[in-house]
């Protein structure tokens, strides 16, 4: 069996126990895009690439570029109801990377319902800003993100939430995105 990792350096995984580690996602730092509108989609380094290390394996510092006039749309999610998760499903010796983004958008406006109708089966990419400012990509160049679960409610009573719960999934790691966010040209 070939040893693809013989030149990979072991790196310490240390943490400062007394650091304030902000959990959750920013309710105002969420963006979505249609995968097919992207013309340049940079990817992290792979094992064997010059400069590869643990951080470069999940980091992109070059911008995602879109077709003329296209870009990321913004959405506002409900506070304390969003998270990005990473998992490694599959059998021993054949694990894969999977990321998911769970979030809630309050209300059930025509625009929100139209978004669901329009994009429910479309390959997409999401940028999610964590509370500490770090940005995560859910979906990548080869593995777009899809809506896997969508459930809306009017709520039953005055204190209930009214809105739509989304789960977005992609078979890729949630890449750390360290570049600019191109927004679409809006024609008035």
C-alpha atoms as a PDB file:
ATOM      1  CA  UNK A   1       0.000   0.000   0.000  1.00  0.00           C
ATOM      2  CA  UNK A   2       1.343   3.445  -0.938  1.00  0.00           C
ATOM      3  CA  UNK A   3       2.027   5.784   1.949  1.00  0.00           C
ATOM      4  CA  UNK A   4       0.649   9.113   0.780  1.00  0.00           C
ATOM      5  CA  UNK A   5       1.445  10.805   4.088  1.00  0.00           C
ATOM      6  CA  UNK A   6       5.097   9.930   4.682  1.00  0.00           C
ATOM      7  CA  UNK A   7       6.188  13.553   4.109  1.00  0.00           C
ATOM      8  CA  UNK A   8       3.441  15.123   6.242  1.00  0.00           C
ATOM      9  CA  UNK A   9       4.770  16.712   9.420  1.00  0.00           C
ATOM     10  CA  UNK A  10       3.045  16.052  12.740  1.00  0.00           C
ATOM     11  CA  UNK A  11       1.796  19.307  14.238  1.00  0.00           C
ATOM     12  CA  UNK A  12       0.783  20.044  17.823  1.00  0.00           C
ATOM     13  CA  UNK A  13      -2.894  20.784  18.373  1.00  0.00           C
ATOM     14  CA  UNK A  14      -2.792  23.106  21.342  1.00  0.00           C
ATOM     15  CA  UNK A  15      -5.453  25.365  22.828  1.00  0.00           C
ATOM     16  CA  UNK A  16      -5.335  28.155  25.372  1.00  0.00           C
ATOM     17  CA  UNK A  17      -7.746  26.865  27.998  1.00  0.00           C
ATOM     18  CA  UNK A  18      -8.501  30.337  29.395  1.00  0.00           C
ATOM     19  CA  UNK A  19      -9.354  31.939  26.008  1.00  0.00           C
ATOM     20  CA  UNK A  20     -12.808  33.260  25.382  1.00  0.00           C
ATOM     21  CA  UNK A  21     -14.052  31.008  22.615  1.00  0.00           C
ATOM     22  CA  UNK A  22     -17.188  32.494  21.098  1.00  0.00           C
ATOM     23  CA  UNK A  23     -19.662  29.832  20.005  1.00  0.00           C
ATOM     24  CA  UNK A  24     -22.323  30.167  17.343  1.00  0.00           C
ATOM     25  CA  UNK A  25     -22.735  32.058  14.112  1.00  0.00           C
ATOM     26  CA  UNK A  26     -23.342  35.736  13.524  1.00  0.00           C
ATOM     27  CA  UNK A  27     -26.948  36.402  12.693  1.00  0.00           C
ATOM     28  CA  UNK A  28     -25.900  39.005  10.099  1.00  0.00           C
ATOM     29  CA  UNK A  29     -22.882  37.332   8.470  1.00  0.00           C
ATOM     30  CA  UNK A  30     -24.549  34.649   6.341  1.00  0.00           C
ATOM     31  CA  UNK A  31     -24.286  34.610   2.542  1.00  0.00           C
ATOM     32  CA  UNK A  32     -25.467  32.239  -0.197  1.00  0.00           C
ATOM     33  CA  UNK A  33     -24.566  31.828  -3.865  1.00  0.00           C
ATOM     34  CA  UNK A  34     -25.520  29.681  -6.830  1.00  0.00           C
ATOM     35  CA  UNK A  35     -22.626  27.299  -7.508  1.00  0.00           C
ATOM     36  CA  UNK A  36     -22.896  27.495 -11.325  1.00  0.00           C
ATOM     37  CA  UNK A  37     -22.433  31.299 -11.264  1.00  0.00           C
ATOM     38  CA  UNK A  38     -18.901  30.942  -9.826  1.00  0.00           C
ATOM     39  CA  UNK A  39     -16.111  31.247 -12.395  1.00  0.00           C
ATOM     40  CA  UNK A  40     -13.097  30.953 -10.064  1.00  0.00           C
ATOM     41  CA  UNK A  41     -13.342  28.788  -6.959  1.00  0.00           C
ATOM     42  CA  UNK A  42     -10.029  28.519  -5.066  1.00  0.00           C
ATOM     43  CA  UNK A  43      -9.395  25.394  -3.026  1.00  0.00           C
ATOM     44  CA  UNK A  44      -7.145  24.565  -0.035  1.00  0.00           C
ATOM     45  CA  UNK A  45      -3.834  22.754  -0.527  1.00  0.00           C
ATOM     46  CA  UNK A  46      -3.807  18.949  -0.673  1.00  0.00           C
ATOM     47  CA  UNK A  47      -1.312  16.570   0.957  1.00  0.00           C
ATOM     48  CA  UNK A  48       1.793  16.564  -1.230  1.00  0.00           C
ATOM     49  CA  UNK A  49       1.372  20.208  -2.350  1.00  0.00           C
ATOM     50  CA  UNK A  50       4.255  22.558  -1.531  1.00  0.00           C
ATOM     51  CA  UNK A  51       3.477  24.435   1.693  1.00  0.00           C
ATOM     52  CA  UNK A  52       0.858  21.951   2.893  1.00  0.00           C
ATOM     53  CA  UNK A  53       0.182  21.920   6.635  1.00  0.00           C
ATOM     54  CA  UNK A  54      -2.902  21.452   8.793  1.00  0.00           C
ATOM     55  CA  UNK A  55      -4.036  25.087   8.377  1.00  0.00           C
ATOM     56  CA  UNK A  56      -3.479  25.259   4.605  1.00  0.00           C
ATOM     57  CA  UNK A  57      -5.535  22.050   4.295  1.00  0.00           C
ATOM     58  CA  UNK A  58      -8.705  23.999   5.190  1.00  0.00           C
ATOM     59  CA  UNK A  59      -7.939  27.640   4.310  1.00  0.00           C
ATOM     60  CA  UNK A  60      -8.643  29.700   1.192  1.00  0.00           C
ATOM     61  CA  UNK A  61      -7.232  33.236   0.962  1.00  0.00           C
ATOM     62  CA  UNK A  62      -8.060  34.012  -2.700  1.00  0.00           C
ATOM     63  CA  UNK A  63     -11.481  35.405  -3.612  1.00  0.00           C
ATOM     64  CA  UNK A  64     -14.333  33.426  -5.079  1.00  0.00           C
ATOM     65  CA  UNK A  65     -15.125  35.120  -8.409  1.00  0.00           C
ATOM     66  CA  UNK A  66     -18.510  35.149 -10.140  1.00  0.00           C
ATOM     67  CA  UNK A  67     -19.931  35.727 -13.612  1.00  0.00           C
ATOM     68  CA  UNK A  68     -20.553  39.402 -14.402  1.00  0.00           C
ATOM     69  CA  UNK A  69     -23.235  40.885 -12.175  1.00  0.00           C
ATOM     70  CA  UNK A  70     -23.463  37.821  -9.906  1.00  0.00           C
ATOM     71  CA  UNK A  71     -22.268  37.261  -6.339  1.00  0.00           C
ATOM     72  CA  UNK A  72     -23.296  36.271  -2.832  1.00  0.00           C
ATOM     73  CA  UNK A  73     -26.732  37.221  -1.522  1.00  0.00           C
ATOM     74  CA  UNK A  74     -27.120  38.050   2.165  1.00  0.00           C
ATOM     75  CA  UNK A  75     -29.528  36.580   4.666  1.00  0.00           C
ATOM     76  CA  UNK A  76     -30.264  37.317   8.305  1.00  0.00           C
ATOM     77  CA  UNK A  77     -30.691  34.306  10.566  1.00  0.00           C
ATOM     78  CA  UNK A  78     -32.293  34.274  13.992  1.00  0.00           C
ATOM     79  CA  UNK A  79     -29.857  34.841  16.880  1.00  0.00           C
ATOM     80  CA  UNK A  80     -28.547  31.766  18.700  1.00  0.00           C
ATOM     81  CA  UNK A  81     -30.231  29.376  16.268  1.00  0.00           C
ATOM     82  CA  UNK A  82     -27.448  28.674  13.763  1.00  0.00           C
ATOM     83  CA  UNK A  83     -24.412  26.405  13.738  1.00  0.00           C
ATOM     84  CA  UNK A  84     -21.924  24.828  11.346  1.00  0.00           C
ATOM     85  CA  UNK A  85     -21.060  21.199  12.033  1.00  0.00           C
ATOM     86  CA  UNK A  86     -18.415  18.884  10.595  1.00  0.00           C
ATOM     87  CA  UNK A  87     -18.544  15.105  10.671  1.00  0.00           C
ATOM     88  CA  UNK A  88     -16.670  12.141   9.195  1.00  0.00           C
ATOM     89  CA  UNK A  89     -19.278   9.618   8.005  1.00  0.00           C
ATOM     90  CA  UNK A  90     -18.322   6.334   6.393  1.00  0.00           C
ATOM     91  CA  UNK A  91     -16.604   3.110   7.384  1.00  0.00           C
ATOM     92  CA  UNK A  92     -13.216   2.788   9.055  1.00  0.00           C
ATOM     93  CA  UNK A  93     -10.527   3.334   6.416  1.00  0.00           C
ATOM     94  CA  UNK A  94     -13.050   4.985   4.088  1.00  0.00           C
ATOM     95  CA  UNK A  95     -14.174   8.127   5.972  1.00  0.00           C
ATOM     96  CA  UNK A  96     -15.447  11.203   4.132  1.00  0.00           C
ATOM     97  CA  UNK A  97     -15.861  14.830   5.170  1.00  0.00           C
ATOM     98  CA  UNK A  98     -19.325  16.275   5.613  1.00  0.00           C
ATOM     99  CA  UNK A  99     -20.387  19.735   6.735  1.00  0.00           C
ATOM    100  CA  UNK A 100     -23.801  21.022   7.621  1.00  0.00           C
ATOM    101  CA  UNK A 101     -25.257  24.406   8.436  1.00  0.00           C
ATOM    102  CA  UNK A 102     -28.431  24.541  10.535  1.00  0.00           C
ATOM    103  CA  UNK A 103     -30.164  27.904  10.809  1.00  0.00           C
ATOM    104  CA  UNK A 104     -33.546  29.526  11.345  1.00  0.00           C
ATOM    105  CA  UNK A 105     -34.971  32.496   9.450  1.00  0.00           C
ATOM    106  CA  UNK A 106     -37.826  34.232  11.243  1.00  0.00           C
ATOM    107  CA  UNK A 107     -41.114  34.843   9.437  1.00  0.00           C
ATOM    108  CA  UNK A 108     -42.597  33.326   6.300  1.00  0.00           C
ATOM    109  CA  UNK A 109     -42.579  36.226   3.866  1.00  0.00           C
ATOM    110  CA  UNK A 110     -43.286  35.768   0.177  1.00  0.00           C
ATOM    111  CA  UNK A 111     -39.601  36.417  -0.521  1.00  0.00           C
ATOM    112  CA  UNK A 112     -38.469  33.677   1.898  1.00  0.00           C
ATOM    113  CA  UNK A 113     -40.961  31.161   0.514  1.00  0.00           C
ATOM    114  CA  UNK A 114     -39.895  32.118  -3.021  1.00  0.00           C
ATOM    115  CA  UNK A 115     -36.247  31.527  -2.050  1.00  0.00           C
ATOM    116  CA  UNK A 116     -37.155  27.984  -0.969  1.00  0.00           C
ATOM    117  CA  UNK A 117     -39.107  27.314  -4.138  1.00  0.00           C
ATOM    118  CA  UNK A 118     -36.310  28.672  -6.331  1.00  0.00           C
ATOM    119  CA  UNK A 119     -33.269  27.035  -4.699  1.00  0.00           C
ATOM    120  CA  UNK A 120     -34.535  23.807  -3.060  1.00  0.00           C
ATOM    121  CA  UNK A 121     -32.672  21.566  -5.559  1.00  0.00           C
ATOM    122  CA  UNK A 122     -29.950  23.928  -6.772  1.00  0.00           C
ATOM    123  CA  UNK A 123     -26.221  23.395  -6.032  1.00  0.00           C
ATOM    124  CA  UNK A 124     -25.119  26.271  -3.795  1.00  0.00           C
ATOM    125  CA  UNK A 125     -22.336  27.614  -1.598  1.00  0.00           C
ATOM    126  CA  UNK A 126     -22.774  29.335   1.773  1.00  0.00           C
ATOM    127  CA  UNK A 127     -20.452  31.611   3.733  1.00  0.00           C
ATOM    128  CA  UNK A 128     -21.185  31.583   7.442  1.00  0.00           C
ATOM    129  CA  UNK A 129     -19.506  34.081   9.764  1.00  0.00           C
ATOM    130  CA  UNK A 130     -18.802  32.734  13.225  1.00  0.00           C
ATOM    131  CA  UNK A 131     -19.178  35.004  16.249  1.00  0.00           C
ATOM    132  CA  UNK A 132     -15.385  35.398  16.401  1.00  0.00           C
ATOM    133  CA  UNK A 133     -15.336  36.689  12.793  1.00  0.00           C
ATOM    134  CA  UNK A 134     -13.971  33.548  11.149  1.00  0.00           C
ATOM    135  CA  UNK A 135     -15.793  32.767   7.901  1.00  0.00           C
ATOM    136  CA  UNK A 136     -16.691  29.192   6.882  1.00  0.00           C
ATOM    137  CA  UNK A 137     -17.591  27.914   3.421  1.00  0.00           C
ATOM    138  CA  UNK A 138     -20.220  25.194   3.313  1.00  0.00           C
ATOM    139  CA  UNK A 139     -19.815  23.673  -0.141  1.00  0.00           C
ATOM    140  CA  UNK A 140     -16.731  23.835  -2.323  1.00  0.00           C
ATOM    141  CA  UNK A 141     -15.620  23.713  -5.957  1.00  0.00           C
ATOM    142  CA  UNK A 142     -16.361  20.011  -6.374  1.00  0.00           C
ATOM    143  CA  UNK A 143     -18.959  19.432  -3.635  1.00  0.00           C
ATOM    144  CA  UNK A 144     -21.742  22.015  -3.614  1.00  0.00           C
ATOM    145  CA  UNK A 145     -24.151  22.481  -0.751  1.00  0.00           C
ATOM    146  CA  UNK A 146     -27.816  21.525  -0.942  1.00  0.00           C
ATOM    147  CA  UNK A 147     -30.888  22.100   1.182  1.00  0.00           C
ATOM    148  CA  UNK A 148     -31.392  18.750   2.891  1.00  0.00           C
ATOM    149  CA  UNK A 149     -34.194  19.755   5.262  1.00  0.00           C
ATOM    150  CA  UNK A 150     -36.550  22.713   5.231  1.00  0.00           C
ATOM    151  CA  UNK A 151     -39.430  23.077   7.658  1.00  0.00           C
ATOM    152  CA  UNK A 152     -41.506  26.186   8.157  1.00  0.00           C
ATOM    153  CA  UNK A 153     -44.150  26.984  10.742  1.00  0.00           C
ATOM    154  CA  UNK A 154     -46.649  29.727  11.469  1.00  0.00           C
ATOM    155  CA  UNK A 155     -46.326  28.931  15.170  1.00  0.00           C
ATOM    156  CA  UNK A 156     -49.289  28.033  17.376  1.00  0.00           C
ATOM    157  CA  UNK A 157     -49.358  30.852  19.889  1.00  0.00           C
ATOM    158  CA  UNK A 158     -48.091  34.290  20.708  1.00  0.00           C
ATOM    159  CA  UNK A 159     -44.788  33.106  22.187  1.00  0.00           C
ATOM    160  CA  UNK A 160     -43.917  30.562  19.474  1.00  0.00           C
ATOM    161  CA  UNK A 161     -41.311  31.048  16.789  1.00  0.00           C
ATOM    162  CA  UNK A 162     -42.696  31.716  13.326  1.00  0.00           C
ATOM    163  CA  UNK A 163     -40.245  30.970  10.581  1.00  0.00           C
ATOM    164  CA  UNK A 164     -38.279  28.395   8.617  1.00  0.00           C
ATOM    165  CA  UNK A 165     -35.660  25.933   9.896  1.00  0.00           C
ATOM    166  CA  UNK A 166     -33.037  25.009   7.264  1.00  0.00           C
ATOM    167  CA  UNK A 167     -30.356  22.317   7.150  1.00  0.00           C
ATOM    168  CA  UNK A 168     -27.759  22.717   4.410  1.00  0.00           C
ATOM    169  CA  UNK A 169     -25.311  19.856   3.728  1.00  0.00           C
ATOM    170  CA  UNK A 170     -22.178  19.361   1.628  1.00  0.00           C
ATOM    171  CA  UNK A 171     -19.754  16.458   1.406  1.00  0.00           C
ATOM    172  CA  UNK A 172     -16.711  18.616   2.153  1.00  0.00           C
ATOM    173  CA  UNK A 173     -15.032  20.248   5.122  1.00  0.00           C
ATOM    174  CA  UNK A 174     -16.264  23.716   6.106  1.00  0.00           C
ATOM    175  CA  UNK A 175     -13.343  25.652   4.569  1.00  0.00           C
ATOM    176  CA  UNK A 176     -12.042  28.751   6.370  1.00  0.00           C
ATOM    177  CA  UNK A 177     -12.544  31.620   3.881  1.00  0.00           C
ATOM    178  CA  UNK A 178     -10.166  34.574   4.322  1.00  0.00           C
ATOM    179  CA  UNK A 179     -10.995  36.728   1.317  1.00  0.00           C
ATOM    180  CA  UNK A 180     -13.561  39.218   0.098  1.00  0.00           C
ATOM    181  CA  UNK A 181     -17.247  38.481  -0.381  1.00  0.00           C
ATOM    182  CA  UNK A 182     -18.407  39.563  -3.826  1.00  0.00           C
ATOM    183  CA  UNK A 183     -22.013  40.733  -3.772  1.00  0.00           C
ATOM    184  CA  UNK A 184     -24.159  40.899  -6.925  1.00  0.00           C
ATOM    185  CA  UNK A 185     -24.804  44.034  -8.898  1.00  0.00           C
ATOM    186  CA  UNK A 186     -28.314  45.168  -7.995  1.00  0.00           C
ATOM    187  CA  UNK A 187     -30.200  47.002 -10.739  1.00  0.00           C
ATOM    188  CA  UNK A 188     -32.701  49.472  -9.226  1.00  0.00           C
END
